[in-house]
Amino acid sequence: MFVTHHFSIDEVNNLLSESFVRIFGNVVEHFPAAAIGILKCRPFNNSNALIQAICDFLDGLKTHEKEKIFQLYPDILDSAICTSPMIYEKEPSFVNIEEKRKLQELNSRYKDKFGYPFITTISDVNHLYSEIQSRMENNKDDELQRTLREVKAIVYLRVQDIVS
């Protein structure tokens, strides 16, 4: 997410609804409904209040709606394994081919088990491997909650990039 202007919270509170949705419509990946859903929460006291409103909106969704949102996120591990793009503003560095193969296998198993891509803010390859391995042990409900926490962490990072 690239923002050329950082907004003060007063500027955020005074944005026209259309501008607010345009600016905050991707803090939850390709899901402007989150920005629309929190318009009524303005004025926000600070960026944390804005983040909390988005988190509350996400918490209020039904399980299948959360899963649909998770499916909107890019498959960062598959992309990183194949092409090494940036993972949420950080680039993982892979040590060897075997490591890539193991991550690819785990990533495929993860998507088969949970029905959406692995979402994380972790970029260090050693932590990525242990994280996905650990999360593979989760049942669907526990992983849904874990993934939701990761989405909220990404929301936090993205809002911090927009609001000063």
Protein backbone atom coordinates (compact mmCIF):
# COMPACT_ATOMS: atom_id res chain seq x y z
CA MET A 1 0.00 0.00 0.00
CA PHE A 2 1.56 3.25 -1.10
CA VAL A 3 0.31 6.54 0.31
CA THR A 4 1.91 9.78 -0.75
CA HIS A 5 0.28 11.86 1.98
CA HIS A 6 -0.02 11.10 5.66
CA PHE A 7 -3.29 12.32 7.11
CA SER A 8 -3.85 13.76 10.53
CA ILE A 9 -6.78 12.30 12.42
CA ASP A 10 -8.63 15.59 11.92
CA GLU A 11 -8.14 15.28 8.16
CA VAL A 12 -9.38 11.68 8.31
CA ASN A 13 -12.48 12.75 10.23
CA ASN A 14 -13.23 15.49 7.69
CA LEU A 15 -12.80 13.40 4.54
CA LEU A 16 -15.82 13.07 2.32
CA SER A 17 -17.20 9.55 2.55
CA GLU A 18 -16.08 8.73 -1.00
CA SER A 19 -12.52 9.87 -0.25
CA PHE A 20 -12.47 7.98 3.05
CA VAL A 21 -13.46 4.74 1.31
CA ARG A 22 -10.93 5.32 -1.48
CA ILE A 23 -8.10 5.91 1.04
CA PHE A 24 -9.02 3.21 3.58
CA GLY A 25 -10.73 0.75 1.25
CA ASN A 26 -7.74 -1.57 1.09
CA VAL A 27 -6.59 -1.65 4.71
CA VAL A 28 -8.48 -4.94 4.72
CA GLU A 29 -7.29 -6.52 1.47
CA HIS A 30 -9.56 -5.53 -1.45
CA PHE A 31 -12.48 -5.14 0.96
CA PRO A 32 -13.79 -1.55 0.90
CA ALA A 33 -16.89 -2.70 2.81
CA ALA A 34 -14.77 -2.42 5.98
CA ALA A 35 -14.13 1.27 5.29
CA ILE A 36 -17.80 1.80 4.45
CA GLY A 37 -18.79 -0.06 7.60
CA ILE A 38 -16.85 2.26 9.89
CA LEU A 39 -17.84 5.59 8.34
CA LYS A 40 -20.53 5.98 10.99
CA CYS A 41 -17.90 5.61 13.73
CA ARG A 42 -16.34 8.97 12.93
CA PRO A 43 -15.02 11.11 14.46
CA PHE A 44 -12.08 9.04 15.63
CA ASN A 45 -10.01 10.32 18.55
CA ASN A 46 -6.80 8.90 17.08
CA SER A 47 -5.48 6.26 14.69
CA ASN A 48 -5.90 3.56 17.33
CA ALA A 49 -9.62 4.33 17.51
CA LEU A 50 -9.85 3.98 13.74
CA ILE A 51 -7.98 0.66 13.90
CA GLN A 52 -10.25 -0.53 16.70
CA ALA A 53 -13.33 0.35 14.63
CA ILE A 54 -12.03 -1.78 11.76
CA CYS A 55 -11.21 -4.64 14.14
CA ASP A 56 -14.68 -4.42 15.70
CA PHE A 57 -16.19 -4.48 12.20
CA LEU A 58 -14.20 -7.63 11.38
CA ASP A 59 -15.17 -9.25 14.68
CA GLY A 60 -18.83 -8.65 13.85
CA LEU A 61 -18.69 -10.63 10.63
CA LYS A 62 -19.90 -14.19 10.31
CA THR A 63 -17.34 -16.97 9.94
CA HIS A 64 -17.99 -17.47 6.23
CA GLU A 65 -17.61 -13.71 5.65
CA LYS A 66 -14.23 -13.71 7.41
CA GLU A 67 -13.12 -16.68 5.32
CA LYS A 68 -14.14 -14.84 2.13
CA ILE A 69 -12.00 -11.88 3.23
CA PHE A 70 -9.05 -14.19 3.93
CA GLN A 71 -9.40 -15.54 0.39
CA LEU A 72 -8.89 -11.99 -0.93
CA TYR A 73 -5.34 -11.89 0.45
CA PRO A 74 -2.53 -12.85 -1.91
CA ASP A 75 -0.86 -16.20 -1.48
CA ILE A 76 2.31 -14.61 -0.15
CA LEU A 77 4.16 -17.84 0.45
CA ASP A 78 3.48 -19.23 -3.01
CA SER A 79 4.58 -15.93 -4.53
CA ALA A 80 7.61 -15.67 -2.27
CA ILE A 81 8.65 -19.23 -2.99
CA CYS A 82 8.39 -18.73 -6.75
CA THR A 83 9.46 -15.13 -7.22
CA SER A 84 10.54 -13.67 -3.87
CA PRO A 85 8.23 -10.62 -3.87
CA MET A 86 7.80 -8.51 -0.77
CA ILE A 87 5.68 -9.88 2.05
CA TYR A 88 3.79 -6.97 3.55
CA GLU A 89 6.60 -4.50 3.09
CA LYS A 90 9.35 -7.00 4.04
CA GLU A 91 11.20 -9.38 1.76
CA PRO A 92 11.97 -12.88 3.00
CA SER A 93 15.36 -14.25 2.26
CA PHE A 94 15.47 -17.94 1.48
CA VAL A 95 18.62 -19.82 2.29
CA ASN A 96 18.29 -22.80 -0.04
CA ILE A 97 16.12 -24.76 -2.47
CA GLU A 98 15.20 -27.38 0.14
CA GLU A 99 13.79 -24.67 2.40
CA LYS A 100 11.67 -23.37 -0.49
CA ARG A 101 10.41 -26.89 -1.25
CA LYS A 102 9.41 -27.48 2.39
CA LEU A 103 7.61 -24.14 2.57
CA GLN A 104 5.82 -24.85 -0.71
CA GLU A 105 4.63 -28.22 0.59
CA LEU A 106 3.46 -26.74 3.90
CA ASN A 107 1.78 -23.87 2.10
CA SER A 108 -0.13 -26.24 -0.17
CA ARG A 109 -1.25 -28.34 2.81
CA TYR A 110 -2.29 -25.19 4.67
CA LYS A 111 -4.51 -23.99 1.80
CA ASP A 112 -6.05 -27.44 1.43
CA LYS A 113 -6.81 -27.65 5.15
CA PHE A 114 -8.14 -24.13 5.76
CA GLY A 115 -9.38 -22.96 2.36
CA TYR A 116 -7.50 -19.68 2.22
CA PRO A 117 -3.89 -18.55 1.89
CA PHE A 118 -1.49 -18.38 4.82
CA ILE A 119 -1.62 -14.80 6.14
CA THR A 120 1.15 -13.46 8.34
CA THR A 121 3.23 -10.39 9.07
CA ILE A 122 6.33 -12.53 9.63
CA SER A 123 9.03 -12.18 6.98
CA ASP A 124 12.00 -14.01 8.44
CA VAL A 125 12.19 -17.37 6.68
CA ASN A 126 13.10 -19.32 9.80
CA HIS A 127 10.12 -17.90 11.63
CA LEU A 128 7.88 -18.38 8.59
CA TYR A 129 8.65 -22.06 8.48
CA SER A 130 8.02 -22.62 12.18
CA GLU A 131 4.92 -20.41 12.10
CA ILE A 132 3.17 -22.24 9.29
CA GLN A 133 4.21 -25.58 10.76
CA SER A 134 2.77 -24.59 14.12
CA ARG A 135 -0.43 -23.21 12.64
CA MET A 136 -0.99 -26.42 10.66
CA GLU A 137 -1.69 -28.02 14.05
CA ASN A 138 -4.68 -25.71 14.62
CA ASN A 139 -8.25 -26.78 14.07
CA LYS A 140 -10.36 -24.64 11.70
CA ASP A 141 -11.82 -22.44 14.45
CA ASP A 142 -8.48 -21.77 16.13
CA GLU A 143 -6.82 -20.98 12.81
CA LEU A 144 -9.65 -18.66 11.83
CA GLN A 145 -9.00 -16.68 15.03
CA ARG A 146 -5.23 -16.74 14.45
CA THR A 147 -5.63 -15.56 10.86
CA LEU A 148 -8.00 -12.84 12.00
CA ARG A 149 -5.30 -11.60 14.42
CA GLU A 150 -2.83 -11.48 11.53
CA VAL A 151 -5.30 -9.54 9.38
CA LYS A 152 -5.76 -7.09 12.24
CA ALA A 153 -1.97 -6.72 12.55
CA ILE A 154 -1.83 -5.91 8.83
CA VAL A 155 -4.67 -3.40 9.31
CA TYR A 156 -2.64 -1.77 12.08
CA LEU A 157 0.45 -1.48 9.84
CA ARG A 158 -1.54 -0.13 6.92
CA VAL A 159 -3.43 2.48 8.97
CA GLN A 160 -0.16 3.60 10.57
CA ASP A 161 1.18 4.17 7.04
CA ILE A 162 -1.78 6.44 6.27
CA VAL A 163 -2.48 8.33 9.50
CA SER A 164 0.23 10.32 11.25
